């Protein structure tokens, strides 16, 4: 693997501070909170808090976007940490690339609020957008890691409830299988600089709180894909969760969904948030922008 100096610097930092399954939830939350909000945003970015159907959220946008079109952005963090504030860089980058404003949501977190709180909040925020007069055909849903899993789960819940589906979806480094049964949990164990199966098993247990690990609204890999909208599935090839995205995209394609699978060589979990220093992150966001613009 040939890496750029920027990528090697990021990987070195991540290897030095992995998401250890031995750290307390409070320690993991504290480590995460400080970094994301300090990342520079595109010029002219604005963010404004809003109550989206009972879900604390932020409108995030750059100048010149079409305010009638919304990218519903769902942060990651293993269902136990993360926030709209910590992921403004990715959301604002997507806003700029897609020409849409972003609604970034702060869904409830485990273990205080386990499954199905997160998907219930995601669904409530989507329904709130519809109530604001935003047409489903003008909405794209996307998220990173657990947010990618919630993206996929939201599609299933909307279909089950008979609600209008969004124009498209963008799961990024998505956690789609809370059983951790993908082969790359083992084969990429050494290449993944930050996430391991033991860590994911622990966080899945906290989130599920006794629920079946294959229930589709928690593990959308096991859902019914028929009739879902077009999607762009992005994942890094070094990720232990690589097979979560690969198997999800293949299942969607097998069900007749227009699903584009986009593996990124040598990229780590959730690399999109490093676009201020990493070319491949900006390129991935640009690809999301092209996907969104093509939908409209």
C-alpha atoms as a PDB file:
ATOM      1  CA  UNK A   1       0.000   0.000   0.000  1.00  0.00           C
ATOM      2  CA  UNK A   2       1.415   3.363  -1.066  1.00  0.00           C
ATOM      3  CA  UNK A   3       0.099   6.203   1.073  1.00  0.00           C
ATOM      4  CA  UNK A   4       0.336   9.957   0.812  1.00  0.00           C
ATOM      5  CA  UNK A   5       2.016  11.864   3.653  1.00  0.00           C
ATOM      6  CA  UNK A   6      -1.410  13.220   4.706  1.00  0.00           C
ATOM      7  CA  UNK A   7      -2.946   9.745   4.823  1.00  0.00           C
ATOM      8  CA  UNK A   8       0.012   8.273   6.692  1.00  0.00           C
ATOM      9  CA  UNK A   9      -0.170  11.043   9.273  1.00  0.00           C
ATOM     10  CA  UNK A  10      -3.880  10.354   9.850  1.00  0.00           C
ATOM     11  CA  UNK A  11      -3.337   6.595  10.067  1.00  0.00           C
ATOM     12  CA  UNK A  12      -0.491   7.014  12.538  1.00  0.00           C
ATOM     13  CA  UNK A  13      -2.675   9.154  14.794  1.00  0.00           C
ATOM     14  CA  UNK A  14      -5.572   6.694  14.573  1.00  0.00           C
ATOM     15  CA  UNK A  15      -3.391   3.668  15.324  1.00  0.00           C
ATOM     16  CA  UNK A  16      -2.124   5.472  18.412  1.00  0.00           C
ATOM     17  CA  UNK A  17      -5.663   5.966  19.736  1.00  0.00           C
ATOM     18  CA  UNK A  18      -7.991   3.184  18.484  1.00  0.00           C
ATOM     19  CA  UNK A  19     -11.621   2.807  19.556  1.00  0.00           C
ATOM     20  CA  UNK A  20     -10.637   0.466  22.369  1.00  0.00           C
ATOM     21  CA  UNK A  21     -13.269  -1.822  23.813  1.00  0.00           C
ATOM     22  CA  UNK A  22     -11.544  -1.323  27.156  1.00  0.00           C
ATOM     23  CA  UNK A  23     -12.248   2.409  27.482  1.00  0.00           C
ATOM     24  CA  UNK A  24     -15.341   3.603  29.324  1.00  0.00           C
ATOM     25  CA  UNK A  25     -18.185   5.204  27.390  1.00  0.00           C
ATOM     26  CA  UNK A  26     -17.338   8.520  29.046  1.00  0.00           C
ATOM     27  CA  UNK A  27     -13.691   8.278  27.915  1.00  0.00           C
ATOM     28  CA  UNK A  28     -14.677   7.410  24.360  1.00  0.00           C
ATOM     29  CA  UNK A  29     -17.171  10.254  24.226  1.00  0.00           C
ATOM     30  CA  UNK A  30     -14.634  12.750  25.550  1.00  0.00           C
ATOM     31  CA  UNK A  31     -12.006  11.671  23.000  1.00  0.00           C
ATOM     32  CA  UNK A  32     -14.456  12.152  20.159  1.00  0.00           C
ATOM     33  CA  UNK A  33     -16.067  15.429  21.205  1.00  0.00           C
ATOM     34  CA  UNK A  34     -13.038  17.689  20.977  1.00  0.00           C
ATOM     35  CA  UNK A  35     -11.848  16.915  17.456  1.00  0.00           C
ATOM     36  CA  UNK A  36     -14.671  17.290  14.974  1.00  0.00           C
ATOM     37  CA  UNK A  37     -15.927  20.738  15.871  1.00  0.00           C
ATOM     38  CA  UNK A  38     -12.445  22.215  15.324  1.00  0.00           C
ATOM     39  CA  UNK A  39     -12.209  21.208  11.634  1.00  0.00           C
ATOM     40  CA  UNK A  40     -12.422  24.238   9.293  1.00  0.00           C
ATOM     41  CA  UNK A  41     -15.598  24.606   7.239  1.00  0.00           C
ATOM     42  CA  UNK A  42     -16.082  25.831   3.651  1.00  0.00           C
ATOM     43  CA  UNK A  43     -16.213  29.618   3.310  1.00  0.00           C
ATOM     44  CA  UNK A  44     -19.616  31.049   4.116  1.00  0.00           C
ATOM     45  CA  UNK A  45     -20.899  27.977   5.941  1.00  0.00           C
ATOM     46  CA  UNK A  46     -23.762  28.717   8.318  1.00  0.00           C
ATOM     47  CA  UNK A  47     -25.365  26.469  10.919  1.00  0.00           C
ATOM     48  CA  UNK A  48     -28.521  27.049  12.906  1.00  0.00           C
ATOM     49  CA  UNK A  49     -30.155  24.921  15.586  1.00  0.00           C
ATOM     50  CA  UNK A  50     -33.687  23.689  14.971  1.00  0.00           C
ATOM     51  CA  UNK A  51     -36.192  21.357  16.599  1.00  0.00           C
ATOM     52  CA  UNK A  52     -36.962  18.793  13.879  1.00  0.00           C
ATOM     53  CA  UNK A  53     -40.072  17.098  15.184  1.00  0.00           C
ATOM     54  CA  UNK A  54     -38.652  16.799  18.685  1.00  0.00           C
ATOM     55  CA  UNK A  55     -35.155  15.919  17.474  1.00  0.00           C
ATOM     56  CA  UNK A  56     -32.415  18.508  18.176  1.00  0.00           C
ATOM     57  CA  UNK A  57     -30.831  19.285  14.826  1.00  0.00           C
ATOM     58  CA  UNK A  58     -28.837  21.791  12.802  1.00  0.00           C
ATOM     59  CA  UNK A  59     -29.440  23.369   9.442  1.00  0.00           C
ATOM     60  CA  UNK A  60     -26.013  23.449   7.780  1.00  0.00           C
ATOM     61  CA  UNK A  61     -25.485  25.056   4.400  1.00  0.00           C
ATOM     62  CA  UNK A  62     -23.118  26.994   2.177  1.00  0.00           C
ATOM     63  CA  UNK A  63     -24.016  29.992   0.001  1.00  0.00           C
ATOM     64  CA  UNK A  64     -26.010  29.374  -3.159  1.00  0.00           C
ATOM     65  CA  UNK A  65     -27.677  26.070  -2.274  1.00  0.00           C
ATOM     66  CA  UNK A  66     -31.198  25.160  -3.339  1.00  0.00           C
ATOM     67  CA  UNK A  67     -33.085  25.428  -0.040  1.00  0.00           C
ATOM     68  CA  UNK A  68     -35.955  23.322  -1.414  1.00  0.00           C
ATOM     69  CA  UNK A  69     -33.624  20.318  -1.538  1.00  0.00           C
ATOM     70  CA  UNK A  70     -32.355  18.727   1.644  1.00  0.00           C
ATOM     71  CA  UNK A  71     -29.643  16.219   2.465  1.00  0.00           C
ATOM     72  CA  UNK A  72     -30.672  14.575   5.743  1.00  0.00           C
ATOM     73  CA  UNK A  73     -27.285  13.903   7.358  1.00  0.00           C
ATOM     74  CA  UNK A  74     -26.940  11.319  10.144  1.00  0.00           C
ATOM     75  CA  UNK A  75     -23.725  11.298  12.176  1.00  0.00           C
ATOM     76  CA  UNK A  76     -21.893   8.175  13.297  1.00  0.00           C
ATOM     77  CA  UNK A  77     -20.413   7.160  16.615  1.00  0.00           C
ATOM     78  CA  UNK A  78     -21.389   3.563  17.308  1.00  0.00           C
ATOM     79  CA  UNK A  79     -24.868   4.642  18.491  1.00  0.00           C
ATOM     80  CA  UNK A  80     -23.333   5.871  21.771  1.00  0.00           C
ATOM     81  CA  UNK A  81     -21.548   9.114  20.807  1.00  0.00           C
ATOM     82  CA  UNK A  82     -21.277  11.748  18.072  1.00  0.00           C
ATOM     83  CA  UNK A  83     -23.186  14.908  17.266  1.00  0.00           C
ATOM     84  CA  UNK A  84     -24.187  17.338  14.553  1.00  0.00           C
ATOM     85  CA  UNK A  85     -21.592  19.782  15.888  1.00  0.00           C
ATOM     86  CA  UNK A  86     -18.772  17.247  15.613  1.00  0.00           C
ATOM     87  CA  UNK A  87     -19.615  16.405  11.995  1.00  0.00           C
ATOM     88  CA  UNK A  88     -20.252  19.861  10.548  1.00  0.00           C
ATOM     89  CA  UNK A  89     -17.244  19.470   8.256  1.00  0.00           C
ATOM     90  CA  UNK A  90     -18.678  16.449   6.444  1.00  0.00           C
ATOM     91  CA  UNK A  91     -22.200  17.910   6.310  1.00  0.00           C
ATOM     92  CA  UNK A  92     -21.023  21.287   5.025  1.00  0.00           C
ATOM     93  CA  UNK A  93     -18.809  19.595   2.464  1.00  0.00           C
ATOM     94  CA  UNK A  94     -21.763  17.579   1.194  1.00  0.00           C
ATOM     95  CA  UNK A  95     -23.876  20.738   1.103  1.00  0.00           C
ATOM     96  CA  UNK A  96     -21.291  22.445  -1.085  1.00  0.00           C
ATOM     97  CA  UNK A  97     -20.779  19.465  -3.407  1.00  0.00           C
ATOM     98  CA  UNK A  98     -24.483  18.681  -3.818  1.00  0.00           C
ATOM     99  CA  UNK A  99     -25.953  22.181  -3.898  1.00  0.00           C
ATOM    100  CA  UNK A 100     -28.377  21.179  -1.129  1.00  0.00           C
ATOM    101  CA  UNK A 101     -28.782  22.342   2.449  1.00  0.00           C
ATOM    102  CA  UNK A 102     -28.184  19.726   5.138  1.00  0.00           C
ATOM    103  CA  UNK A 103     -30.320  18.886   8.122  1.00  0.00           C
ATOM    104  CA  UNK A 104     -27.954  17.187  10.572  1.00  0.00           C
ATOM    105  CA  UNK A 105     -29.709  15.440  13.455  1.00  0.00           C
ATOM    106  CA  UNK A 106     -28.778  14.677  17.058  1.00  0.00           C
ATOM    107  CA  UNK A 107     -30.628  11.411  17.624  1.00  0.00           C
ATOM    108  CA  UNK A 108     -30.732   9.890  21.106  1.00  0.00           C
ATOM    109  CA  UNK A 109     -27.756   7.751  22.106  1.00  0.00           C
ATOM    110  CA  UNK A 110     -27.240   4.427  23.877  1.00  0.00           C
ATOM    111  CA  UNK A 111     -26.858   3.162  26.513  1.00  0.00           C
ATOM    112  CA  UNK A 112     -29.145   5.829  27.978  1.00  0.00           C
ATOM    113  CA  UNK A 113     -31.558   5.475  25.051  1.00  0.00           C
ATOM    114  CA  UNK A 114     -31.071   2.117  23.312  1.00  0.00           C
ATOM    115  CA  UNK A 115     -32.745   0.725  20.174  1.00  0.00           C
ATOM    116  CA  UNK A 116     -35.163   1.788  18.730  1.00  0.00           C
ATOM    117  CA  UNK A 117     -34.605   5.379  19.946  1.00  0.00           C
ATOM    118  CA  UNK A 118     -32.108   6.295  17.207  1.00  0.00           C
ATOM    119  CA  UNK A 119     -34.220   5.052  14.301  1.00  0.00           C
ATOM    120  CA  UNK A 120     -37.357   6.541  15.846  1.00  0.00           C
ATOM    121  CA  UNK A 121     -35.643   9.945  15.962  1.00  0.00           C
ATOM    122  CA  UNK A 122     -34.344   9.609  12.414  1.00  0.00           C
ATOM    123  CA  UNK A 123     -37.837   8.765  11.214  1.00  0.00           C
ATOM    124  CA  UNK A 124     -39.324  11.688  13.164  1.00  0.00           C
ATOM    125  CA  UNK A 125     -36.872  14.128  11.593  1.00  0.00           C
ATOM    126  CA  UNK A 126     -37.651  12.857   8.093  1.00  0.00           C
ATOM    127  CA  UNK A 127     -41.380  13.174   8.721  1.00  0.00           C
ATOM    128  CA  UNK A 128     -40.784  16.698  10.029  1.00  0.00           C
ATOM    129  CA  UNK A 129     -39.131  17.619   6.735  1.00  0.00           C
ATOM    130  CA  UNK A 130     -42.225  16.418   4.896  1.00  0.00           C
ATOM    131  CA  UNK A 131     -44.408  18.458   7.258  1.00  0.00           C
ATOM    132  CA  UNK A 132     -42.318  21.536   6.386  1.00  0.00           C
ATOM    133  CA  UNK A 133     -43.347  21.123   2.765  1.00  0.00           C
ATOM    134  CA  UNK A 134     -40.120  19.498   1.542  1.00  0.00           C
ATOM    135  CA  UNK A 135     -41.096  16.909  -1.059  1.00  0.00           C
ATOM    136  CA  UNK A 136     -39.664  13.415  -0.546  1.00  0.00           C
ATOM    137  CA  UNK A 137     -38.413  13.636  -4.139  1.00  0.00           C
ATOM    138  CA  UNK A 138     -36.219  16.565  -3.009  1.00  0.00           C
ATOM    139  CA  UNK A 139     -34.620  14.696  -0.089  1.00  0.00           C
ATOM    140  CA  UNK A 140     -31.467  12.587  -0.029  1.00  0.00           C
ATOM    141  CA  UNK A 141     -30.588  10.665   3.140  1.00  0.00           C
ATOM    142  CA  UNK A 142     -27.045   9.786   4.107  1.00  0.00           C
ATOM    143  CA  UNK A 143     -24.767   9.136   7.035  1.00  0.00           C
ATOM    144  CA  UNK A 144     -21.467   7.743   8.241  1.00  0.00           C
ATOM    145  CA  UNK A 145     -20.957   4.500  10.211  1.00  0.00           C
ATOM    146  CA  UNK A 146     -23.929   4.102  12.584  1.00  0.00           C
ATOM    147  CA  UNK A 147     -25.428   6.996  10.632  1.00  0.00           C
ATOM    148  CA  UNK A 148     -25.036   4.908   7.501  1.00  0.00           C
ATOM    149  CA  UNK A 149     -26.865   2.079   9.234  1.00  0.00           C
ATOM    150  CA  UNK A 150     -29.636   4.491  10.222  1.00  0.00           C
ATOM    151  CA  UNK A 151     -29.790   5.688   6.615  1.00  0.00           C
ATOM    152  CA  UNK A 152     -30.480   2.133   5.483  1.00  0.00           C
ATOM    153  CA  UNK A 153     -32.864   1.442   8.374  1.00  0.00           C
ATOM    154  CA  UNK A 154     -34.835   4.596   7.616  1.00  0.00           C
ATOM    155  CA  UNK A 155     -35.521   3.383   4.072  1.00  0.00           C
ATOM    156  CA  UNK A 156     -36.957   0.149   5.466  1.00  0.00           C
ATOM    157  CA  UNK A 157     -39.096   1.941   8.059  1.00  0.00           C
ATOM    158  CA  UNK A 158     -40.468   4.385   5.497  1.00  0.00           C
ATOM    159  CA  UNK A 159     -41.366   1.532   3.180  1.00  0.00           C
ATOM    160  CA  UNK A 160     -42.987  -0.449   6.007  1.00  0.00           C
ATOM    161  CA  UNK A 161     -45.040   2.585   7.056  1.00  0.00           C
ATOM    162  CA  UNK A 162     -46.113   3.408   3.502  1.00  0.00           C
ATOM    163  CA  UNK A 163     -44.394   6.802   3.598  1.00  0.00           C
ATOM    164  CA  UNK A 164     -42.823   8.406   0.523  1.00  0.00           C
ATOM    165  CA  UNK A 165     -39.214   7.386  -0.002  1.00  0.00           C
ATOM    166  CA  UNK A 166     -36.430   9.913  -0.573  1.00  0.00           C
ATOM    167  CA  UNK A 167     -34.888  10.488  -3.985  1.00  0.00           C
ATOM    168  CA  UNK A 168     -31.754   8.634  -2.957  1.00  0.00           C
ATOM    169  CA  UNK A 169     -29.514   7.454  -0.153  1.00  0.00           C
ATOM    170  CA  UNK A 170     -25.777   7.576   0.605  1.00  0.00           C
ATOM    171  CA  UNK A 171     -24.551   5.084   3.248  1.00  0.00           C
ATOM    172  CA  UNK A 172     -20.892   5.885   4.057  1.00  0.00           C
ATOM    173  CA  UNK A 173     -18.790   3.281   5.904  1.00  0.00           C
ATOM    174  CA  UNK A 174     -22.171   1.983   7.039  1.00  0.00           C
ATOM    175  CA  UNK A 175     -22.682  -0.372   9.968  1.00  0.00           C
ATOM    176  CA  UNK A 176     -25.388  -2.584   8.485  1.00  0.00           C
ATOM    177  CA  UNK A 177     -24.832  -5.835  10.383  1.00  0.00           C
ATOM    178  CA  UNK A 178     -24.764  -5.762  14.192  1.00  0.00           C
ATOM    179  CA  UNK A 179     -23.897  -9.483  14.289  1.00  0.00           C
ATOM    180  CA  UNK A 180     -20.367  -8.649  13.007  1.00  0.00           C
ATOM    181  CA  UNK A 181     -20.496 -11.667  10.698  1.00  0.00           C
ATOM    182  CA  UNK A 182     -18.665 -10.212   7.674  1.00  0.00           C
ATOM    183  CA  UNK A 183     -15.433 -11.929   6.669  1.00  0.00           C
ATOM    184  CA  UNK A 184     -13.531  -8.643   6.783  1.00  0.00           C
ATOM    185  CA  UNK A 185     -14.031  -8.472  10.538  1.00  0.00           C
ATOM    186  CA  UNK A 186     -11.185 -10.988  10.493  1.00  0.00           C
ATOM    187  CA  UNK A 187      -9.356 -10.420   7.209  1.00  0.00           C
ATOM    188  CA  UNK A 188      -9.080  -6.637   7.718  1.00  0.00           C
ATOM    189  CA  UNK A 189      -8.382  -6.819  11.445  1.00  0.00           C
ATOM    190  CA  UNK A 190      -4.767  -5.771  10.889  1.00  0.00           C
ATOM    191  CA  UNK A 191      -5.391  -3.155   8.191  1.00  0.00           C
ATOM    192  CA  UNK A 192      -8.147  -1.290  10.065  1.00  0.00           C
ATOM    193  CA  UNK A 193      -6.376   1.368  12.148  1.00  0.00           C
ATOM    194  CA  UNK A 194      -9.185   2.061  14.575  1.00  0.00           C
ATOM    195  CA  UNK A 195     -12.107  -0.405  14.749  1.00  0.00           C
ATOM    196  CA  UNK A 196     -12.116  -4.029  15.894  1.00  0.00           C
ATOM    197  CA  UNK A 197     -14.807  -6.680  16.226  1.00  0.00           C
ATOM    198  CA  UNK A 198     -14.667  -6.697  20.033  1.00  0.00           C
ATOM    199  CA  UNK A 199     -15.405  -2.974  20.096  1.00  0.00           C
ATOM    200  CA  UNK A 200     -18.341  -3.360  17.722  1.00  0.00           C
ATOM    201  CA  UNK A 201     -19.714  -6.333  19.661  1.00  0.00           C
ATOM    202  CA  UNK A 202     -19.697  -4.232  22.819  1.00  0.00           C
ATOM    203  CA  UNK A 203     -21.422  -1.232  21.232  1.00  0.00           C
ATOM    204  CA  UNK A 204     -23.962  -3.428  19.462  1.00  0.00           C
ATOM    205  CA  UNK A 205     -24.860  -4.956  22.821  1.00  0.00           C
ATOM    206  CA  UNK A 206     -25.336  -1.533  24.407  1.00  0.00           C
ATOM    207  CA  UNK A 207     -27.498  -0.317  21.537  1.00  0.00           C
ATOM    208  CA  UNK A 208     -29.585  -3.473  21.085  1.00  0.00           C
ATOM    209  CA  UNK A 209     -30.199  -3.895  24.827  1.00  0.00           C
ATOM    210  CA  UNK A 210     -31.555  -7.405  24.298  1.00  0.00           C
ATOM    211  CA  UNK A 211     -33.157  -6.883  20.876  1.00  0.00           C
ATOM    212  CA  UNK A 212     -32.465  -9.404  18.114  1.00  0.00           C
ATOM    213  CA  UNK A 213     -29.190  -8.470  16.417  1.00  0.00           C
ATOM    214  CA  UNK A 214     -30.731  -9.338  13.045  1.00  0.00           C
ATOM    215  CA  UNK A 215     -33.791  -7.137  13.401  1.00  0.00           C
ATOM    216  CA  UNK A 216     -33.747  -5.112  10.150  1.00  0.00           C
ATOM    217  CA  UNK A 217     -34.232  -1.692  11.756  1.00  0.00           C
ATOM    218  CA  UNK A 218     -30.972  -2.269  13.670  1.00  0.00           C
ATOM    219  CA  UNK A 219     -29.185  -4.445  11.075  1.00  0.00           C
ATOM    220  CA  UNK A 220     -30.636  -3.357   7.716  1.00  0.00           C
ATOM    221  CA  UNK A 221     -28.548  -5.952   5.881  1.00  0.00           C
ATOM    222  CA  UNK A 222     -31.310  -8.399   6.853  1.00  0.00           C
ATOM    223  CA  UNK A 223     -34.160  -6.277   5.492  1.00  0.00           C
ATOM    224  CA  UNK A 224     -36.265  -6.419   2.332  1.00  0.00           C
ATOM    225  CA  UNK A 225     -34.555  -4.221  -0.275  1.00  0.00           C
ATOM    226  CA  UNK A 226     -37.214  -4.385  -2.969  1.00  0.00           C
ATOM    227  CA  UNK A 227     -38.441  -0.973  -4.081  1.00  0.00           C
ATOM    228  CA  UNK A 228     -35.746   1.105  -2.369  1.00  0.00           C
ATOM    229  CA  UNK A 229     -34.475   4.267  -4.092  1.00  0.00           C
ATOM    230  CA  UNK A 230     -31.129   4.717  -5.862  1.00  0.00           C
ATOM    231  CA  UNK A 231     -28.144   4.658  -3.546  1.00  0.00           C
ATOM    232  CA  UNK A 232     -24.423   5.295  -3.498  1.00  0.00           C
ATOM    233  CA  UNK A 233     -22.599   2.981  -1.081  1.00  0.00           C
ATOM    234  CA  UNK A 234     -19.097   4.152  -0.155  1.00  0.00           C
ATOM    235  CA  UNK A 235     -16.582   2.273   2.002  1.00  0.00           C
ATOM    236  CA  UNK A 236     -12.818   2.091   2.510  1.00  0.00           C
ATOM    237  CA  UNK A 237     -11.055  -1.117   1.553  1.00  0.00           C
ATOM    238  CA  UNK A 238      -9.069  -1.304   4.808  1.00  0.00           C
ATOM    239  CA  UNK A 239     -12.177  -1.246   7.012  1.00  0.00           C
ATOM    240  CA  UNK A 240     -13.098  -4.186   9.202  1.00  0.00           C
ATOM    241  CA  UNK A 241     -16.661  -3.185   8.290  1.00  0.00           C
ATOM    242  CA  UNK A 242     -15.963  -3.368   4.546  1.00  0.00           C
ATOM    243  CA  UNK A 243     -18.236  -6.388   4.150  1.00  0.00           C
ATOM    244  CA  UNK A 244     -21.109  -4.508   5.808  1.00  0.00           C
ATOM    245  CA  UNK A 245     -21.164  -2.228   2.771  1.00  0.00           C
ATOM    246  CA  UNK A 246     -20.235  -4.784   0.121  1.00  0.00           C
ATOM    247  CA  UNK A 247     -22.909  -7.279   1.158  1.00  0.00           C
ATOM    248  CA  UNK A 248     -25.489  -4.514   1.558  1.00  0.00           C
ATOM    249  CA  UNK A 249     -24.826  -3.162  -1.947  1.00  0.00           C
ATOM    250  CA  UNK A 250     -24.914  -6.649  -3.454  1.00  0.00           C
ATOM    251  CA  UNK A 251     -28.205  -7.468  -1.717  1.00  0.00           C
ATOM    252  CA  UNK A 252     -29.701  -4.205  -2.940  1.00  0.00           C
ATOM    253  CA  UNK A 253     -28.562  -4.876  -6.500  1.00  0.00           C
ATOM    254  CA  UNK A 254     -29.980  -8.398  -6.335  1.00  0.00           C
ATOM    255  CA  UNK A 255     -33.337  -6.903  -5.349  1.00  0.00           C
ATOM    256  CA  UNK A 256     -33.326  -4.632  -8.389  1.00  0.00           C
ATOM    257  CA  UNK A 257     -32.216  -1.456  -6.621  1.00  0.00           C
ATOM    258  CA  UNK A 258     -30.061   1.037  -8.535  1.00  0.00           C
ATOM    259  CA  UNK A 259     -27.187   0.699  -6.077  1.00  0.00           C
ATOM    260  CA  UNK A 260     -23.694   1.919  -6.921  1.00  0.00           C
ATOM    261  CA  UNK A 261     -20.952   0.301  -4.854  1.00  0.00           C
ATOM    262  CA  UNK A 262     -17.917   2.548  -4.501  1.00  0.00           C
ATOM    263  CA  UNK A 263     -14.939   1.030  -2.625  1.00  0.00           C
ATOM    264  CA  UNK A 264     -12.098   3.446  -1.892  1.00  0.00           C
ATOM    265  CA  UNK A 265      -8.623   1.947  -1.919  1.00  0.00           C
ATOM    266  CA  UNK A 266      -6.701   2.219   1.362  1.00  0.00           C
ATOM    267  CA  UNK A 267      -9.307   4.446   3.010  1.00  0.00           C
ATOM    268  CA  UNK A 268     -10.147   4.129   6.696  1.00  0.00           C
ATOM    269  CA  UNK A 269     -13.514   4.179   8.456  1.00  0.00           C
ATOM    270  CA  UNK A 270     -15.374   7.469   7.931  1.00  0.00           C
ATOM    271  CA  UNK A 271     -12.548   9.170   6.030  1.00  0.00           C
ATOM    272  CA  UNK A 272     -15.030  11.753   4.692  1.00  0.00           C
ATOM    273  CA  UNK A 273     -14.505  13.953   7.752  1.00  0.00           C
ATOM    274  CA  UNK A 274     -10.853  14.537   6.780  1.00  0.00           C
ATOM    275  CA  UNK A 275     -11.517  16.461   3.560  1.00  0.00           C
ATOM    276  CA  UNK A 276      -9.663  19.509   4.911  1.00  0.00           C
ATOM    277  CA  UNK A 277      -6.379  17.552   4.723  1.00  0.00           C
ATOM    278  CA  UNK A 278      -7.038  14.417   2.641  1.00  0.00           C
ATOM    279  CA  UNK A 279      -7.620  14.519  -1.122  1.00  0.00           C
ATOM    280  CA  UNK A 280      -9.468  11.183  -1.160  1.00  0.00           C
ATOM    281  CA  UNK A 281     -11.980  12.488   1.357  1.00  0.00           C
ATOM    282  CA  UNK A 282     -12.775  15.495  -0.811  1.00  0.00           C
ATOM    283  CA  UNK A 283     -12.987  13.233  -3.858  1.00  0.00           C
ATOM    284  CA  UNK A 284     -15.491  10.983  -2.067  1.00  0.00           C
ATOM    285  CA  UNK A 285     -17.600  14.007  -1.119  1.00  0.00           C
ATOM    286  CA  UNK A 286     -17.425  15.255  -4.714  1.00  0.00           C
ATOM    287  CA  UNK A 287     -18.732  11.859  -5.828  1.00  0.00           C
ATOM    288  CA  UNK A 288     -21.636  12.227  -3.404  1.00  0.00           C
ATOM    289  CA  UNK A 289     -22.323  15.642  -4.884  1.00  0.00           C
ATOM    290  CA  UNK A 290     -22.439  14.231  -8.409  1.00  0.00           C
ATOM    291  CA  UNK A 291     -24.774  11.442  -7.261  1.00  0.00           C
ATOM    292  CA  UNK A 292     -27.149  13.950  -5.700  1.00  0.00           C
ATOM    293  CA  UNK A 293     -27.127  16.321  -8.669  1.00  0.00           C
ATOM    294  CA  UNK A 294     -27.792  13.427 -11.042  1.00  0.00           C
ATOM    295  CA  UNK A 295     -30.913  12.486  -9.050  1.00  0.00           C
ATOM    296  CA  UNK A 296     -32.417  15.890  -9.818  1.00  0.00           C
END
